Amino acid sequence: MKRNLKFWTRYTWECTGVVLAVAAVLAVIAVFGAEGLDLRALATVVPYFLCIGAVFCIMVGNSGTQTLYVPLLLSMGETRRNVLLGFHYFRVLIIAVMLALCAVIWLLVPGEASAVGLRSIPTILCVLVIASAMGSIMGTIFVKWKWAGMILIIPLCGLGGGMVGVAGSLVGGNFLTARTFEIVSHLTALPWWLPAAAPAALALDVGFQWMLLRRQEVKL
């Protein structure tokens, strides 16, 4: 189990690096696209860039994990129980790291926008959990039924396009104006169905993944 946790911890830091790279690219676009640069306001928007990068990385990374790393670990002698626990440890860790980074940035840059960001953390948590579950379910389905997995890639690409659209709204010419504040302020209102959908999606993911993992063949 120790070797298993070490592997997933290292994988988490690698994925975190990808998220930071995506956030850095969006921040650079914001700097060059803004009509007036306000570093303080930019800092309050960076956590949302991190969240956009995290959603994309979690969904794509989870799918790749199911098709590549899970069979690899099984072929190396890890038990299916340890693989399942290690995989969910990775998911919890990367979500916790992203939320911690967002909270630290907002706490270091106090203000109304940062206060809105801190109040939106529950909504962001639910979105990250649902995105993680969707990516994992797509990955497990692709392993078992490739044709169905290919169909599920379509909504994934649609979600990716939606995230690009949101990023475009934030990094457009006036991204440091009240319009950005208006967009992100909607995240503070946590709809009743979102906290219900997050654990439901996670439970469905865990159950489905374990069902397929128990029957998954390892080809050396």
C-alpha atoms as a PDB file:
ATOM      1  CA  MET A   1       0.000   0.000   0.000  1.00  0.00           C
ATOM      2  CA  LYS A   2       2.894   2.365   0.739  1.00  0.00           C
ATOM      3  CA  ARG A   3       4.223   1.997  -2.805  1.00  0.00           C
ATOM      4  CA  ASN A   4       0.708   2.528  -4.142  1.00  0.00           C
ATOM      5  CA  LEU A   5       0.240   5.802  -2.223  1.00  0.00           C
ATOM      6  CA  LYS A   6       3.685   7.001  -3.284  1.00  0.00           C
ATOM      7  CA  PHE A   7       2.759   6.426  -6.930  1.00  0.00           C
ATOM      8  CA  TRP A   8      -0.537   8.303  -6.665  1.00  0.00           C
ATOM      9  CA  THR A   9       1.035  11.168  -4.722  1.00  0.00           C
ATOM     10  CA  ARG A  10       3.636  11.661  -7.429  1.00  0.00           C
ATOM     11  CA  TYR A  11       0.912  11.466 -10.090  1.00  0.00           C
ATOM     12  CA  THR A  12      -1.042  14.150  -8.207  1.00  0.00           C
ATOM     13  CA  TRP A  13       1.909  16.565  -8.265  1.00  0.00           C
ATOM     14  CA  GLU A  14       2.405  15.940 -11.973  1.00  0.00           C
ATOM     15  CA  CYS A  15      -1.258  16.724 -12.652  1.00  0.00           C
ATOM     16  CA  THR A  16      -1.007  19.796 -10.427  1.00  0.00           C
ATOM     17  CA  GLY A  17       1.819  21.034 -12.641  1.00  0.00           C
ATOM     18  CA  VAL A  18      -0.455  20.726 -15.673  1.00  0.00           C
ATOM     19  CA  VAL A  19      -3.189  22.700 -13.893  1.00  0.00           C
ATOM     20  CA  LEU A  20      -0.719  25.451 -12.997  1.00  0.00           C
ATOM     21  CA  ALA A  21       0.466  25.590 -16.604  1.00  0.00           C
ATOM     22  CA  VAL A  22      -3.114  25.994 -17.881  1.00  0.00           C
ATOM     23  CA  ALA A  23      -3.768  28.732 -15.317  1.00  0.00           C
ATOM     24  CA  ALA A  24      -0.531  30.494 -16.309  1.00  0.00           C
ATOM     25  CA  VAL A  25      -1.532  30.483 -19.988  1.00  0.00           C
ATOM     26  CA  LEU A  26      -4.937  31.960 -19.158  1.00  0.00           C
ATOM     27  CA  ALA A  27      -3.294  34.582 -16.942  1.00  0.00           C
ATOM     28  CA  VAL A  28      -0.921  35.585 -19.750  1.00  0.00           C
ATOM     29  CA  ILE A  29      -3.872  35.908 -22.145  1.00  0.00           C
ATOM     30  CA  ALA A  30      -5.609  38.049 -19.532  1.00  0.00           C
ATOM     31  CA  VAL A  31      -2.607  40.351 -19.197  1.00  0.00           C
ATOM     32  CA  PHE A  32      -2.301  40.910 -22.928  1.00  0.00           C
ATOM     33  CA  GLY A  33      -6.055  41.165 -23.485  1.00  0.00           C
ATOM     34  CA  ALA A  34      -6.922  43.594 -20.719  1.00  0.00           C
ATOM     35  CA  GLU A  35      -7.404  47.257 -21.483  1.00  0.00           C
ATOM     36  CA  GLY A  36      -5.998  48.220 -18.107  1.00  0.00           C
ATOM     37  CA  LEU A  37      -3.871  45.986 -15.921  1.00  0.00           C
ATOM     38  CA  ASP A  38      -4.703  45.817 -12.222  1.00  0.00           C
ATOM     39  CA  LEU A  39      -2.484  43.203 -10.554  1.00  0.00           C
ATOM     40  CA  ARG A  40      -4.690  43.054  -7.476  1.00  0.00           C
ATOM     41  CA  ALA A  41      -7.792  42.332  -9.530  1.00  0.00           C
ATOM     42  CA  LEU A  42      -5.855  39.860 -11.655  1.00  0.00           C
ATOM     43  CA  ALA A  43      -4.836  37.943  -8.537  1.00  0.00           C
ATOM     44  CA  THR A  44      -8.482  37.532  -7.516  1.00  0.00           C
ATOM     45  CA  VAL A  45      -9.306  36.021 -10.922  1.00  0.00           C
ATOM     46  CA  VAL A  46      -6.356  33.577 -11.029  1.00  0.00           C
ATOM     47  CA  PRO A  47      -8.082  31.023  -8.718  1.00  0.00           C
ATOM     48  CA  TYR A  48     -10.865  30.679 -11.282  1.00  0.00           C
ATOM     49  CA  PHE A  49      -8.221  29.930 -13.908  1.00  0.00           C
ATOM     50  CA  LEU A  50      -6.919  27.223 -11.570  1.00  0.00           C
ATOM     51  CA  CYS A  51     -10.417  25.759 -11.288  1.00  0.00           C
ATOM     52  CA  ILE A  52     -10.899  25.739 -15.060  1.00  0.00           C
ATOM     53  CA  GLY A  53      -7.553  23.968 -15.478  1.00  0.00           C
ATOM     54  CA  ALA A  54      -8.417  21.538 -12.677  1.00  0.00           C
ATOM     55  CA  VAL A  55     -11.759  20.553 -14.227  1.00  0.00           C
ATOM     56  CA  PHE A  56     -10.121  19.878 -17.582  1.00  0.00           C
ATOM     57  CA  CYS A  57      -7.157  18.017 -16.063  1.00  0.00           C
ATOM     58  CA  ILE A  58      -9.313  15.903 -13.752  1.00  0.00           C
ATOM     59  CA  MET A  59     -11.659  14.783 -16.506  1.00  0.00           C
ATOM     60  CA  VAL A  60      -8.955  14.028 -19.057  1.00  0.00           C
ATOM     61  CA  GLY A  61      -6.562  12.646 -16.440  1.00  0.00           C
ATOM     62  CA  ASN A  62      -9.147  10.333 -14.920  1.00  0.00           C
ATOM     63  CA  SER A  63     -10.004   8.880 -18.319  1.00  0.00           C
ATOM     64  CA  GLY A  64      -6.341   8.320 -19.126  1.00  0.00           C
ATOM     65  CA  THR A  65      -5.765   6.805 -15.704  1.00  0.00           C
ATOM     66  CA  GLN A  66      -8.425   4.166 -16.240  1.00  0.00           C
ATOM     67  CA  THR A  67      -7.065   3.167 -19.634  1.00  0.00           C
ATOM     68  CA  LEU A  68      -3.338   3.275 -18.802  1.00  0.00           C
ATOM     69  CA  TYR A  69      -2.273   3.420 -15.145  1.00  0.00           C
ATOM     70  CA  VAL A  70      -4.858   1.083 -13.597  1.00  0.00           C
ATOM     71  CA  PRO A  71      -3.928  -1.846 -15.905  1.00  0.00           C
ATOM     72  CA  LEU A  72      -0.249  -0.990 -15.350  1.00  0.00           C
ATOM     73  CA  LEU A  73      -0.571  -1.159 -11.562  1.00  0.00           C
ATOM     74  CA  LEU A  74      -2.511  -4.424 -11.742  1.00  0.00           C
ATOM     75  CA  SER A  75       0.192  -5.916 -13.949  1.00  0.00           C
ATOM     76  CA  MET A  76       2.788  -4.886 -11.344  1.00  0.00           C
ATOM     77  CA  GLY A  77       1.033  -6.915  -8.661  1.00  0.00           C
ATOM     78  CA  GLU A  78      -1.076  -4.291  -6.881  1.00  0.00           C
ATOM     79  CA  THR A  79      -4.372  -5.574  -5.532  1.00  0.00           C
ATOM     80  CA  ARG A  80      -7.577  -4.248  -7.034  1.00  0.00           C
ATOM     81  CA  ARG A  81      -8.593  -2.877  -3.635  1.00  0.00           C
ATOM     82  CA  ASN A  82      -5.353  -0.898  -3.323  1.00  0.00           C
ATOM     83  CA  VAL A  83      -5.689   0.437  -6.862  1.00  0.00           C
ATOM     84  CA  LEU A  84      -9.225   1.644  -6.156  1.00  0.00           C
ATOM     85  CA  LEU A  85      -8.237   3.272  -2.857  1.00  0.00           C
ATOM     86  CA  GLY A  86      -5.123   4.855  -4.379  1.00  0.00           C
ATOM     87  CA  PHE A  87      -7.060   6.274  -7.293  1.00  0.00           C
ATOM     88  CA  HIS A  88      -9.609   7.939  -5.021  1.00  0.00           C
ATOM     89  CA  TYR A  89      -6.803   9.187  -2.799  1.00  0.00           C
ATOM     90  CA  PHE A  90      -5.393  10.942  -5.880  1.00  0.00           C
ATOM     91  CA  ARG A  91      -8.753  12.527  -6.633  1.00  0.00           C
ATOM     92  CA  VAL A  92      -9.266  13.790  -3.097  1.00  0.00           C
ATOM     93  CA  LEU A  93      -5.708  15.135  -2.938  1.00  0.00           C
ATOM     94  CA  ILE A  94      -5.762  17.098  -6.190  1.00  0.00           C
ATOM     95  CA  ILE A  95      -9.163  18.645  -5.403  1.00  0.00           C
ATOM     96  CA  ALA A  96      -7.953  19.568  -1.909  1.00  0.00           C
ATOM     97  CA  VAL A  97      -4.775  21.131  -3.323  1.00  0.00           C
ATOM     98  CA  MET A  98      -6.717  23.240  -5.833  1.00  0.00           C
ATOM     99  CA  LEU A  99      -9.192  24.478  -3.228  1.00  0.00           C
ATOM    100  CA  ALA A 100      -6.361  25.257  -0.804  1.00  0.00           C
ATOM    101  CA  LEU A 101      -4.518  27.279  -3.465  1.00  0.00           C
ATOM    102  CA  CYS A 102      -7.682  29.227  -4.283  1.00  0.00           C
ATOM    103  CA  ALA A 103      -8.359  29.959  -0.613  1.00  0.00           C
ATOM    104  CA  VAL A 104      -4.763  31.074   0.044  1.00  0.00           C
ATOM    105  CA  ILE A 105      -4.771  33.462  -2.928  1.00  0.00           C
ATOM    106  CA  TRP A 106      -8.089  35.010  -1.928  1.00  0.00           C
ATOM    107  CA  LEU A 107      -6.977  35.367   1.693  1.00  0.00           C
ATOM    108  CA  LEU A 108      -3.740  37.066   0.634  1.00  0.00           C
ATOM    109  CA  VAL A 109      -5.641  39.545  -1.563  1.00  0.00           C
ATOM    110  CA  PRO A 110      -8.531  40.749   0.605  1.00  0.00           C
ATOM    111  CA  GLY A 111     -11.414  42.592  -0.969  1.00  0.00           C
ATOM    112  CA  GLU A 112     -14.979  42.185  -2.165  1.00  0.00           C
ATOM    113  CA  ALA A 113     -13.983  39.970  -5.110  1.00  0.00           C
ATOM    114  CA  SER A 114     -11.931  37.718  -2.831  1.00  0.00           C
ATOM    115  CA  ALA A 115     -14.820  37.511  -0.366  1.00  0.00           C
ATOM    116  CA  VAL A 116     -17.065  36.350  -3.212  1.00  0.00           C
ATOM    117  CA  GLY A 117     -14.441  33.775  -4.173  1.00  0.00           C
ATOM    118  CA  LEU A 118     -14.224  32.389  -0.651  1.00  0.00           C
ATOM    119  CA  ARG A 119     -18.005  32.089  -0.470  1.00  0.00           C
ATOM    120  CA  SER A 120     -18.008  30.240  -3.808  1.00  0.00           C
ATOM    121  CA  ILE A 121     -15.692  27.443  -2.586  1.00  0.00           C
ATOM    122  CA  PRO A 122     -18.593  25.030  -1.774  1.00  0.00           C
ATOM    123  CA  THR A 123     -19.914  25.437  -5.332  1.00  0.00           C
ATOM    124  CA  ILE A 124     -16.430  24.944  -6.787  1.00  0.00           C
ATOM    125  CA  LEU A 125     -15.977  21.807  -4.663  1.00  0.00           C
ATOM    126  CA  CYS A 126     -19.201  20.290  -5.995  1.00  0.00           C
ATOM    127  CA  VAL A 127     -18.242  21.110  -9.594  1.00  0.00           C
ATOM    128  CA  LEU A 128     -14.801  19.510  -9.188  1.00  0.00           C
ATOM    129  CA  VAL A 129     -16.283  16.360  -7.637  1.00  0.00           C
ATOM    130  CA  ILE A 130     -18.857  16.006 -10.426  1.00  0.00           C
ATOM    131  CA  ALA A 131     -16.208  16.630 -13.107  1.00  0.00           C
ATOM    132  CA  SER A 132     -13.948  14.028 -11.525  1.00  0.00           C
ATOM    133  CA  ALA A 133     -16.750  11.460 -11.391  1.00  0.00           C
ATOM    134  CA  MET A 134     -17.745  12.115 -15.025  1.00  0.00           C
ATOM    135  CA  GLY A 135     -14.169  11.721 -16.215  1.00  0.00           C
ATOM    136  CA  SER A 136     -13.692   8.497 -14.275  1.00  0.00           C
ATOM    137  CA  ILE A 137     -16.972   6.988 -15.484  1.00  0.00           C
ATOM    138  CA  MET A 138     -16.036   7.824 -19.066  1.00  0.00           C
ATOM    139  CA  GLY A 139     -12.655   6.194 -18.573  1.00  0.00           C
ATOM    140  CA  THR A 140     -14.045   2.973 -17.125  1.00  0.00           C
ATOM    141  CA  ILE A 141     -16.685   2.748 -19.858  1.00  0.00           C
ATOM    142  CA  PHE A 142     -14.014   3.291 -22.517  1.00  0.00           C
ATOM    143  CA  VAL A 143     -11.978   0.409 -21.065  1.00  0.00           C
ATOM    144  CA  LYS A 144     -14.970  -1.934 -21.212  1.00  0.00           C
ATOM    145  CA  TRP A 145     -16.864  -0.659 -24.256  1.00  0.00           C
ATOM    146  CA  LYS A 146     -14.748   1.538 -26.491  1.00  0.00           C
ATOM    147  CA  TRP A 147     -17.647   2.540 -28.737  1.00  0.00           C
ATOM    148  CA  ALA A 148     -19.608   3.877 -25.780  1.00  0.00           C
ATOM    149  CA  GLY A 149     -16.531   5.670 -24.490  1.00  0.00           C
ATOM    150  CA  MET A 150     -16.088   7.390 -27.824  1.00  0.00           C
ATOM    151  CA  ILE A 151     -19.697   8.620 -27.653  1.00  0.00           C
ATOM    152  CA  LEU A 152     -19.092  10.040 -24.174  1.00  0.00           C
ATOM    153  CA  ILE A 153     -16.115  12.002 -25.473  1.00  0.00           C
ATOM    154  CA  ILE A 154     -18.598  14.274 -27.277  1.00  0.00           C
ATOM    155  CA  PRO A 155     -20.033  15.871 -24.102  1.00  0.00           C
ATOM    156  CA  LEU A 156     -16.493  16.071 -22.731  1.00  0.00           C
ATOM    157  CA  CYS A 157     -15.451  18.139 -25.736  1.00  0.00           C
ATOM    158  CA  GLY A 158     -18.596  20.238 -25.292  1.00  0.00           C
ATOM    159  CA  LEU A 159     -17.680  20.875 -21.668  1.00  0.00           C
ATOM    160  CA  GLY A 160     -14.172  21.798 -22.738  1.00  0.00           C
ATOM    161  CA  GLY A 161     -15.591  24.303 -25.203  1.00  0.00           C
ATOM    162  CA  GLY A 162     -17.798  25.707 -22.471  1.00  0.00           C
ATOM    163  CA  MET A 163     -14.804  26.185 -20.180  1.00  0.00           C
ATOM    164  CA  VAL A 164     -12.973  27.988 -22.976  1.00  0.00           C
ATOM    165  CA  GLY A 165     -16.013  30.240 -23.349  1.00  0.00           C
ATOM    166  CA  VAL A 166     -16.044  30.998 -19.629  1.00  0.00           C
ATOM    167  CA  ALA A 167     -12.320  31.684 -19.718  1.00  0.00           C
ATOM    168  CA  GLY A 168     -12.891  33.995 -22.669  1.00  0.00           C
ATOM    169  CA  SER A 169     -15.492  35.898 -20.672  1.00  0.00           C
ATOM    170  CA  LEU A 170     -13.027  36.333 -17.848  1.00  0.00           C
ATOM    171  CA  VAL A 171      -9.981  37.239 -19.920  1.00  0.00           C
ATOM    172  CA  GLY A 172     -11.676  39.465 -22.458  1.00  0.00           C
ATOM    173  CA  GLY A 173     -10.789  43.078 -22.894  1.00  0.00           C
ATOM    174  CA  ASN A 174     -12.655  44.228 -19.775  1.00  0.00           C
ATOM    175  CA  PHE A 175     -12.123  41.182 -17.591  1.00  0.00           C
ATOM    176  CA  LEU A 176     -11.176  43.386 -14.633  1.00  0.00           C
ATOM    177  CA  THR A 177     -14.505  45.196 -14.622  1.00  0.00           C
ATOM    178  CA  ALA A 178     -17.804  44.647 -12.838  1.00  0.00           C
ATOM    179  CA  ARG A 179     -18.786  42.134 -15.535  1.00  0.00           C
ATOM    180  CA  THR A 180     -16.302  39.599 -14.185  1.00  0.00           C
ATOM    181  CA  PHE A 181     -17.556  40.250 -10.673  1.00  0.00           C
ATOM    182  CA  GLU A 182     -21.120  39.688 -11.894  1.00  0.00           C
ATOM    183  CA  ILE A 183     -20.175  36.369 -13.535  1.00  0.00           C
ATOM    184  CA  VAL A 184     -18.387  34.876 -10.552  1.00  0.00           C
ATOM    185  CA  SER A 185     -20.938  36.177  -8.033  1.00  0.00           C
ATOM    186  CA  HIS A 186     -23.384  33.566  -9.330  1.00  0.00           C
ATOM    187  CA  LEU A 187     -21.119  30.871  -7.876  1.00  0.00           C
ATOM    188  CA  THR A 188     -21.932  31.982  -4.335  1.00  0.00           C
ATOM    189  CA  ALA A 189     -25.549  30.810  -4.746  1.00  0.00           C
ATOM    190  CA  LEU A 190     -25.295  27.048  -4.203  1.00  0.00           C
ATOM    191  CA  PRO A 191     -28.342  25.423  -5.877  1.00  0.00           C
ATOM    192  CA  TRP A 192     -29.926  22.629  -3.870  1.00  0.00           C
ATOM    193  CA  TRP A 193     -29.351  20.029  -6.569  1.00  0.00           C
ATOM    194  CA  LEU A 194     -25.584  20.547  -6.779  1.00  0.00           C
ATOM    195  CA  PRO A 195     -24.692  19.160  -3.288  1.00  0.00           C
ATOM    196  CA  ALA A 196     -27.047  16.251  -4.056  1.00  0.00           C
ATOM    197  CA  ALA A 197     -25.572  15.596  -7.506  1.00  0.00           C
ATOM    198  CA  ALA A 198     -21.950  15.570  -6.300  1.00  0.00           C
ATOM    199  CA  PRO A 199     -22.174  12.593  -3.861  1.00  0.00           C
ATOM    200  CA  ALA A 200     -24.582  10.798  -6.217  1.00  0.00           C
ATOM    201  CA  ALA A 201     -22.122  11.080  -9.107  1.00  0.00           C
ATOM    202  CA  LEU A 202     -19.264   9.991  -6.856  1.00  0.00           C
ATOM    203  CA  ALA A 203     -21.186   6.974  -5.537  1.00  0.00           C
ATOM    204  CA  LEU A 204     -22.149   5.945  -9.077  1.00  0.00           C
ATOM    205  CA  ASP A 205     -18.538   6.298 -10.168  1.00  0.00           C
ATOM    206  CA  VAL A 206     -17.122   4.262  -7.272  1.00  0.00           C
ATOM    207  CA  GLY A 207     -19.686   1.481  -7.668  1.00  0.00           C
ATOM    208  CA  PHE A 208     -19.311   1.266 -11.431  1.00  0.00           C
ATOM    209  CA  GLN A 209     -15.533   1.388 -11.275  1.00  0.00           C
ATOM    210  CA  TRP A 210     -15.332  -1.370  -8.654  1.00  0.00           C
ATOM    211  CA  MET A 211     -17.730  -3.556 -10.624  1.00  0.00           C
ATOM    212  CA  LEU A 212     -15.544  -3.342 -13.725  1.00  0.00           C
ATOM    213  CA  LEU A 213     -12.260  -3.435 -11.801  1.00  0.00           C
ATOM    214  CA  ARG A 214     -13.145  -6.785 -10.231  1.00  0.00           C
ATOM    215  CA  ARG A 215     -13.539  -8.309 -13.694  1.00  0.00           C
ATOM    216  CA  GLN A 216     -10.797  -6.407 -15.492  1.00  0.00           C
ATOM    217  CA  GLU A 217      -8.236  -8.604 -17.206  1.00  0.00           C
ATOM    218  CA  VAL A 218      -4.550  -7.788 -17.030  1.00  0.00           C
ATOM    219  CA  LYS A 219      -2.582  -8.340 -20.226  1.00  0.00           C
ATOM    220  CA  LEU A 220       1.167  -8.536 -19.749  1.00  0.00           C
END
